Amino acid sequence: MKGAIAKTEAETRDALLRRAALIALAGNLVLAILKITVGAASGSLAVLGDGIDSSTDVVIAIMTLAVGFYVSQPSDKEHPWGHGRAETLATIVLAFVVFFAGTRLFESAIERLRSGEAMEIPSTVTLVVTGISIAGKISLALGQFRLAKLTGSSMLKANARNMANDVVISASVFVGLAVTILFKLAFLDSVIALLVGLWVMKAGIGIFREQNLELMDGNADDELYRTLFAAVKSVDGAANPHRARIRRIATAWDIDLDIEVDACLTVREAHAIAARVEEAVREQIPFVYDIMVHVEPAGSGEHNEQYGLSAKDVR
């Protein structure tokens, strides 16, 4: 029964990942074409840069579709923990794509400012296009955040944050264009593009740092450990949870911990307690991939190992 439920949840999640990717692909493709066309025609580097940023979102959406197919594959001999790490690696690639787009925009803005070439005042159509971009990005970001919450996908969460950053970028471009057109300050377009480039680079670094923690099997969420220990304590006969380790594999949690039970219990009875602990943990923590519960006789725990946490470590 548990296997069937897990399979159904996985299939639902895969379908949601594909839906998120298709929505992001269609929305960003339209916005990218619109902004790049208008930016190139009007000579606005800020609008062109905003369009390039949207084009990276198109690449991200295509990557999400490919990764969604790959991570849905069952575990095999070479990948006994499944293929979930592909999502982490893809998100790191996403971070580099975002950072590279930011650096190219930053370099272009610097070069234009240094060259001193004559700059044209952007046309008012750039304001219309940027306004459309703001509305479209808000809609896409909200949709991606909702689907990220439903699936627990770190990649969708990173993509949603990237789109939220795009809203800020487009809003900054809109304000800058309005000031440029109103006061005839053509150089402001390049200054805005420079600032947008810096913002995009910062977003890429942030995504990389978060995913690097996951790739190194790190976990800085103390609340998750508190939930784990509370679930163990809710089971009669289970005591002193320690040597707990929680790592993330894409959207799922892989959990190891030790518990103590009465030393006089039979192996069958101790196993039954461990099984109830596993069930309690799955009820409290969503998206659990696997749980390994090691049983020890009461009083023999806490061996001062250099790994794993106990309740006293997260108070």
Protein backbone atom coordinates (compact mmCIF):
# COMPACT_ATOMS: atom_id res chain seq x y z
CA MET A 1 0.00 0.00 0.00
CA LYS A 2 2.77 2.46 0.95
CA GLY A 3 4.59 1.69 -2.29
CA ALA A 4 1.45 2.35 -4.34
CA ILE A 5 0.83 5.65 -2.55
CA ALA A 6 4.46 6.71 -3.03
CA LYS A 7 4.22 5.86 -6.72
CA THR A 8 1.04 7.89 -7.11
CA GLU A 9 2.62 10.87 -5.32
CA ALA A 10 5.68 10.63 -7.58
CA GLU A 11 3.53 10.52 -10.72
CA THR A 12 1.51 13.54 -9.54
CA ARG A 13 4.70 15.44 -8.79
CA ASP A 14 6.17 14.64 -12.21
CA ALA A 15 2.99 15.88 -13.89
CA LEU A 16 3.14 19.13 -11.90
CA LEU A 17 6.82 19.60 -12.81
CA ARG A 18 5.99 19.20 -16.50
CA ARG A 19 3.07 21.63 -16.19
CA ALA A 20 5.28 24.21 -14.44
CA ALA A 21 7.96 23.88 -17.11
CA LEU A 22 5.49 24.21 -19.99
CA ILE A 23 3.87 27.31 -18.45
CA ALA A 24 7.27 28.90 -17.83
CA LEU A 25 8.44 27.98 -21.33
CA ALA A 26 5.44 29.49 -23.11
CA GLY A 27 5.23 32.63 -20.97
CA ASN A 28 8.94 33.46 -21.03
CA LEU A 29 9.29 32.68 -24.73
CA VAL A 30 6.64 35.27 -25.59
CA LEU A 31 8.14 37.87 -23.24
CA ALA A 32 11.72 37.22 -24.43
CA ILE A 33 10.82 37.62 -28.12
CA LEU A 34 8.80 40.76 -27.40
CA LYS A 35 11.51 42.47 -25.30
CA ILE A 36 14.49 41.49 -27.46
CA THR A 37 12.69 42.67 -30.61
CA VAL A 38 11.63 45.99 -29.11
CA GLY A 39 14.94 46.48 -27.29
CA ALA A 40 16.98 45.93 -30.47
CA ALA A 41 14.66 48.12 -32.58
CA SER A 42 14.62 51.00 -30.07
CA GLY A 43 18.29 50.78 -29.12
CA SER A 44 17.44 50.33 -25.43
CA LEU A 45 20.12 48.21 -23.77
CA ALA A 46 18.04 47.96 -20.59
CA VAL A 47 15.04 46.45 -22.42
CA LEU A 48 17.33 44.22 -24.48
CA GLY A 49 19.02 43.02 -21.28
CA ASP A 50 15.64 42.33 -19.71
CA GLY A 51 14.78 40.27 -22.77
CA ILE A 52 18.05 38.32 -22.53
CA ASP A 53 17.21 37.58 -18.90
CA SER A 54 13.82 36.22 -19.99
CA SER A 55 15.54 34.08 -22.63
CA THR A 56 17.57 32.41 -19.85
CA ASP A 57 14.22 31.51 -18.26
CA VAL A 58 13.30 29.76 -21.52
CA VAL A 59 16.50 27.69 -21.24
CA ILE A 60 15.63 26.94 -17.60
CA ALA A 61 12.13 25.77 -18.57
CA ILE A 62 13.54 23.41 -21.20
CA MET A 63 16.01 22.11 -18.61
CA THR A 64 13.17 21.55 -16.13
CA LEU A 65 11.28 19.44 -18.67
CA ALA A 66 14.35 17.30 -19.34
CA VAL A 67 15.18 16.90 -15.64
CA GLY A 68 11.55 16.12 -14.78
CA PHE A 69 11.69 13.14 -17.13
CA TYR A 70 15.05 11.91 -15.81
CA VAL A 71 14.34 12.15 -12.07
CA SER A 72 11.11 10.18 -12.51
CA GLN A 73 13.12 7.11 -13.52
CA PRO A 74 13.16 4.39 -10.84
CA SER A 75 16.31 3.58 -8.89
CA ASP A 76 18.69 1.06 -10.43
CA LYS A 77 21.94 -0.75 -9.65
CA GLU A 78 24.08 2.31 -10.46
CA HIS A 79 21.70 4.74 -8.70
CA PRO A 80 20.24 2.98 -5.64
CA TRP A 81 19.06 6.35 -4.22
CA GLY A 82 17.26 7.15 -7.45
CA HIS A 83 17.99 9.99 -9.88
CA GLY A 84 16.90 12.92 -7.75
CA ARG A 85 20.36 14.50 -7.62
CA ALA A 86 19.93 15.36 -11.31
CA GLU A 87 17.58 18.12 -10.20
CA THR A 88 20.23 19.52 -7.84
CA LEU A 89 22.88 19.46 -10.55
CA ALA A 90 20.50 21.06 -13.05
CA THR A 91 19.71 23.83 -10.57
CA ILE A 92 23.43 24.51 -10.17
CA VAL A 93 23.71 24.73 -13.97
CA LEU A 94 20.76 27.14 -13.80
CA ALA A 95 22.72 29.28 -11.35
CA PHE A 96 25.65 29.51 -13.78
CA VAL A 97 23.32 30.36 -16.67
CA VAL A 98 21.75 33.18 -14.64
CA PHE A 99 25.16 34.45 -13.51
CA PHE A 100 26.57 34.37 -17.05
CA ALA A 101 23.59 36.33 -18.39
CA GLY A 102 24.17 38.95 -15.70
CA THR A 103 27.87 39.29 -16.48
CA ARG A 104 27.24 39.70 -20.21
CA LEU A 105 24.68 42.44 -19.58
CA PHE A 106 27.02 44.15 -17.10
CA GLU A 107 29.92 44.07 -19.58
CA SER A 108 27.75 45.45 -22.39
CA ALA A 109 26.59 48.35 -20.22
CA ILE A 110 30.15 49.15 -19.11
CA GLU A 111 31.38 49.07 -22.71
CA ARG A 112 28.65 51.43 -23.90
CA LEU A 113 29.33 53.89 -21.09
CA ARG A 114 33.10 53.79 -21.69
CA SER A 115 32.83 54.17 -25.46
CA GLY A 116 30.89 57.41 -25.18
CA GLU A 117 28.88 56.52 -28.27
CA ALA A 118 25.82 58.61 -28.97
CA MET A 119 22.78 57.19 -27.27
CA GLU A 120 19.20 57.53 -28.41
CA ILE A 121 16.24 58.25 -26.18
CA PRO A 122 14.13 55.04 -26.10
CA SER A 123 10.64 55.27 -27.56
CA THR A 124 7.51 55.10 -25.41
CA VAL A 125 6.74 51.62 -26.79
CA THR A 126 9.51 50.34 -24.50
CA LEU A 127 7.39 51.42 -21.52
CA VAL A 128 4.40 49.46 -22.85
CA VAL A 129 6.48 46.32 -23.41
CA THR A 130 8.12 46.59 -19.97
CA GLY A 131 4.69 47.03 -18.35
CA ILE A 132 3.49 43.87 -20.09
CA SER A 133 6.63 42.11 -18.85
CA ILE A 134 5.94 43.13 -15.23
CA ALA A 135 2.38 41.78 -15.36
CA GLY A 136 3.48 38.58 -17.08
CA LYS A 137 6.36 37.93 -14.68
CA ILE A 138 4.16 38.47 -11.62
CA SER A 139 1.70 35.88 -12.95
CA LEU A 140 4.47 33.40 -13.80
CA ALA A 141 6.25 33.85 -10.46
CA LEU A 142 3.07 33.28 -8.43
CA GLY A 143 2.28 30.16 -10.47
CA GLN A 144 5.79 28.75 -10.04
CA PHE A 145 5.76 29.42 -6.28
CA ARG A 146 2.45 27.59 -5.96
CA LEU A 147 3.67 24.58 -7.93
CA ALA A 148 6.99 24.58 -6.05
CA LYS A 149 5.06 24.35 -2.78
CA LEU A 150 2.94 21.47 -4.08
CA THR A 151 5.92 19.49 -5.38
CA GLY A 152 8.62 20.54 -2.91
CA SER A 153 10.92 21.04 -5.92
CA SER A 154 14.08 23.04 -5.19
CA MET A 155 14.44 23.71 -8.91
CA LEU A 156 10.94 25.19 -9.20
CA LYS A 157 11.54 27.21 -6.04
CA ALA A 158 14.77 28.60 -7.50
CA ASN A 159 13.00 29.32 -10.77
CA ALA A 160 10.15 31.08 -8.95
CA ARG A 161 12.64 33.24 -7.05
CA ASN A 162 14.40 34.01 -10.31
CA MET A 163 11.09 35.16 -11.81
CA ALA A 164 10.36 37.26 -8.72
CA ASN A 165 13.75 38.89 -9.28
CA ASP A 166 12.68 39.48 -12.88
CA VAL A 167 9.70 41.46 -11.62
CA VAL A 168 12.07 43.73 -9.71
CA ILE A 169 14.31 44.00 -12.76
CA SER A 170 11.45 44.88 -15.11
CA ALA A 171 10.03 47.38 -12.60
CA SER A 172 13.47 49.04 -12.32
CA VAL A 173 13.75 49.17 -16.10
CA PHE A 174 10.27 50.70 -16.33
CA VAL A 175 11.08 53.45 -13.83
CA GLY A 176 14.43 54.12 -15.48
CA LEU A 177 12.89 54.31 -18.93
CA ALA A 178 10.24 56.70 -17.70
CA VAL A 179 12.90 58.99 -16.20
CA THR A 180 15.06 58.67 -19.33
CA ILE A 181 12.21 59.60 -21.67
CA LEU A 182 10.84 62.35 -19.42
CA PHE A 183 14.16 64.13 -18.76
CA LYS A 184 15.95 63.16 -22.02
CA LEU A 185 18.83 61.44 -20.15
CA ALA A 186 19.92 58.78 -22.64
CA PHE A 187 22.86 57.52 -20.54
CA LEU A 188 20.47 56.33 -17.82
CA ASP A 189 19.48 53.39 -20.03
CA SER A 190 23.02 51.98 -19.79
CA VAL A 191 23.23 52.71 -16.07
CA ILE A 192 19.99 50.78 -15.51
CA ALA A 193 21.31 47.89 -17.60
CA LEU A 194 24.47 47.84 -15.49
CA LEU A 195 22.47 47.64 -12.25
CA VAL A 196 20.21 44.95 -13.70
CA GLY A 197 23.30 42.93 -14.59
CA LEU A 198 24.59 43.15 -11.02
CA TRP A 199 21.20 42.05 -9.66
CA VAL A 200 21.09 39.03 -11.98
CA MET A 201 24.64 38.02 -10.98
CA LYS A 202 23.69 38.24 -7.29
CA ALA A 203 20.65 36.00 -7.91
CA GLY A 204 22.85 33.39 -9.63
CA ILE A 205 25.30 33.32 -6.71
CA GLY A 206 22.41 32.89 -4.24
CA ILE A 207 20.99 29.90 -6.12
CA PHE A 208 24.42 28.27 -6.32
CA ARG A 209 25.13 28.65 -2.58
CA GLU A 210 21.82 27.05 -1.63
CA GLN A 211 22.23 24.10 -3.98
CA ASN A 212 25.86 23.57 -3.01
CA LEU A 213 24.70 22.96 0.58
CA GLU A 214 22.35 20.25 -0.69
CA LEU A 215 25.00 18.71 -2.93
CA MET A 216 27.30 18.44 0.12
CA ASP A 217 24.51 16.67 2.06
CA GLY A 218 24.18 19.69 4.34
CA ASN A 219 21.03 20.83 6.13
CA ALA A 220 20.75 24.08 8.06
CA ASP A 221 17.07 23.65 9.01
CA ASP A 222 16.99 23.05 12.78
CA GLU A 223 13.18 23.03 12.72
CA LEU A 224 13.25 19.89 10.61
CA TYR A 225 15.29 18.12 13.28
CA ARG A 226 12.93 19.36 16.01
CA THR A 227 10.02 17.87 14.06
CA LEU A 228 11.93 14.59 13.71
CA PHE A 229 12.68 14.33 17.45
CA ALA A 230 9.10 15.26 18.36
CA ALA A 231 7.81 12.48 16.09
CA VAL A 232 10.10 9.95 17.78
CA LYS A 233 9.01 11.03 21.27
CA SER A 234 5.36 10.55 20.28
CA VAL A 235 5.96 6.79 19.96
CA ASP A 236 5.65 4.73 23.15
CA GLY A 237 8.81 2.77 23.84
CA ALA A 238 11.10 4.92 21.70
CA ALA A 239 13.59 7.09 23.57
CA ASN A 240 16.74 9.20 23.18
CA PRO A 241 16.79 9.87 19.43
CA HIS A 242 20.40 10.62 18.45
CA ARG A 243 22.89 10.37 15.60
CA ALA A 244 20.17 11.89 13.43
CA ARG A 245 21.12 12.95 9.93
CA ILE A 246 18.79 14.49 7.36
CA ARG A 247 19.84 15.14 3.81
CA ARG A 248 17.87 16.27 0.80
CA ILE A 249 17.69 14.35 -2.46
CA ALA A 250 15.92 16.70 -4.87
CA THR A 251 12.49 17.14 -3.26
CA ALA A 252 12.68 14.23 -0.82
CA TRP A 253 14.37 13.69 2.56
CA ASP A 254 16.70 10.81 3.39
CA ILE A 255 16.78 10.29 7.18
CA ASP A 256 19.04 8.24 9.47
CA LEU A 257 18.74 8.09 13.24
CA ASP A 258 19.30 5.90 16.30
CA ILE A 259 16.75 5.31 19.05
CA GLU A 260 16.89 3.46 22.37
CA VAL A 261 14.38 0.82 23.49
CA ASP A 262 14.01 -1.41 26.54
CA ALA A 263 16.88 -3.91 26.47
CA CYS A 264 14.54 -6.74 27.49
CA LEU A 265 12.39 -6.48 24.37
CA THR A 266 12.54 -9.17 21.69
CA VAL A 267 13.89 -8.33 18.26
CA ARG A 268 10.33 -8.46 16.88
CA GLU A 269 9.06 -6.02 19.53
CA ALA A 270 11.97 -3.62 18.99
CA HIS A 271 11.40 -3.77 15.23
CA ALA A 272 7.72 -2.93 15.73
CA ILE A 273 8.69 0.21 17.68
CA ALA A 274 11.12 1.23 14.92
CA ALA A 275 8.35 0.75 12.35
CA ARG A 276 6.01 3.01 14.36
CA VAL A 277 8.77 5.63 14.56
CA GLU A 278 9.12 5.54 10.80
CA GLU A 279 5.36 5.94 10.37
CA ALA A 280 5.27 8.86 12.83
CA VAL A 281 8.12 10.62 11.04
CA ARG A 282 6.44 10.22 7.65
CA GLU A 283 3.27 11.73 9.08
CA GLN A 284 5.14 14.78 10.38
CA ILE A 285 7.66 15.35 7.56
CA PRO A 286 6.38 15.40 3.97
CA PHE A 287 8.29 14.03 0.99
CA VAL A 288 10.39 11.43 2.86
CA TYR A 289 12.32 9.20 0.46
CA ASP A 290 13.73 6.75 3.02
CA ILE A 291 14.19 6.38 6.79
CA MET A 292 16.79 4.19 8.46
CA VAL A 293 16.05 3.64 12.17
CA HIS A 294 18.79 1.90 14.16
CA VAL A 295 17.67 0.36 17.46
CA GLU A 296 19.93 0.26 20.54
CA PRO A 297 19.29 -1.04 24.08
CA ALA A 298 18.53 1.72 26.58
CA GLY A 299 21.63 3.31 28.06
CA SER A 300 24.03 2.40 25.26
CA GLY A 301 23.48 5.43 23.03
CA GLU A 302 25.48 8.65 22.71
CA HIS A 303 28.85 7.34 21.57
CA ASN A 304 30.34 10.79 20.93
CA GLU A 305 30.61 10.23 17.19
CA GLN A 306 31.61 13.15 15.03
CA TYR A 307 28.41 13.00 13.00
CA GLY A 308 24.67 13.19 13.58
CA LEU A 309 22.57 15.34 15.91
CA SER A 310 20.60 14.72 19.08
CA ALA A 311 17.82 16.77 20.67
CA LYS A 312 20.29 18.82 22.74
CA ASP A 313 22.00 20.04 19.57
CA VAL A 314 18.97 21.90 18.18
CA ARG A 315 17.36 23.48 21.23
